[in-house]
C-alpha atoms as a PDB file:
ATOM      1  CA  GLY A   1      85.928 -20.858   2.711  1.00  0.00           C
ATOM      2  CA  LYS A   2      88.587 -19.205   4.931  1.00  0.00           C
ATOM      3  CA  ASN A   3      87.782 -15.706   3.735  1.00  0.00           C
ATOM      4  CA  ASN A   4      84.161 -15.938   4.944  1.00  0.00           C
ATOM      5  CA  ILE A   5      85.334 -17.038   8.411  1.00  0.00           C
ATOM      6  CA  LYS A   6      87.818 -14.122   8.567  1.00  0.00           C
ATOM      7  CA  THR A   7      85.144 -11.646   7.565  1.00  0.00           C
ATOM      8  CA  GLU A   8      82.774 -13.075  10.164  1.00  0.00           C
ATOM      9  CA  PHE A   9      85.353 -12.646  12.952  1.00  0.00           C
ATOM     10  CA  ILE A  10      85.985  -8.990  11.854  1.00  0.00           C
ATOM     11  CA  LEU A  11      82.279  -8.270  11.870  1.00  0.00           C
ATOM     12  CA  LEU A  12      81.875  -9.952  15.284  1.00  0.00           C
ATOM     13  CA  GLY A  13      84.787  -7.890  16.643  1.00  0.00           C
ATOM     14  CA  LEU A  14      83.288  -4.646  15.343  1.00  0.00           C
ATOM     15  CA  ALA A  15      79.865  -5.459  16.749  1.00  0.00           C
ATOM     16  CA  TYR A  16      81.414  -6.284  20.112  1.00  0.00           C
ATOM     17  CA  ASN A  17      83.415  -3.042  20.191  1.00  0.00           C
ATOM     18  CA  ILE A  18      80.343  -0.963  19.266  1.00  0.00           C
ATOM     19  CA  LYS A  19      78.180  -2.680  21.875  1.00  0.00           C
ATOM     20  CA  LYS A  20      80.820  -2.072  24.510  1.00  0.00           C
ATOM     21  CA  LEU A  21      81.162   1.592  23.579  1.00  0.00           C
ATOM     22  CA  PHE A  22      77.345   2.004  23.560  1.00  0.00           C
ATOM     23  CA  THR A  23      77.043   0.370  26.956  1.00  0.00           C
ATOM     24  CA  LYS A  24      79.744   2.670  28.342  1.00  0.00           C
ATOM     25  CA  ILE A  25      78.063   5.785  27.015  1.00  0.00           C
ATOM     26  CA  SER A  26      74.487   4.837  27.972  1.00  0.00           C
ATOM     27  CA  GLY A  27      75.653   3.658  31.354  1.00  0.00           C
ATOM     28  CA  ASN A  28      77.038   7.133  32.020  1.00  0.00           C
ATOM     29  CA  ARG A  29      73.829   9.171  32.536  1.00  0.00           C
ATOM     30  CA  LEU A  30      75.663  12.466  32.619  1.00  0.00           C
ATOM     31  CA  GLY A  31      77.303  11.777  29.238  1.00  0.00           C
ATOM     32  CA  ILE A  32      80.748  12.543  30.564  1.00  0.00           C
ATOM     33  CA  SER A  33      82.433   9.880  28.347  1.00  0.00           C
ATOM     34  CA  LEU A  34      80.706  11.338  25.278  1.00  0.00           C
ATOM     35  CA  PHE A  35      81.917  14.860  26.168  1.00  0.00           C
ATOM     36  CA  GLU A  36      85.450  13.618  26.609  1.00  0.00           C
ATOM     37  CA  LEU A  37      85.356  11.954  23.180  1.00  0.00           C
ATOM     38  CA  LYS A  38      84.370  15.247  21.578  1.00  0.00           C
ATOM     39  CA  SER A  39      86.970  17.332  23.329  1.00  0.00           C
ATOM     40  CA  ALA A  40      89.817  14.864  22.788  1.00  0.00           C
END
């Protein structure tokens, strides 16, 4: 029902955010974005 659709959208959103974050970190060869996350 509606609950399954809601859960699916939440999971999709999480997966999208994680993928975006991973791309950002791996795209930065020097790891500056990772360092900024730790020091923030």
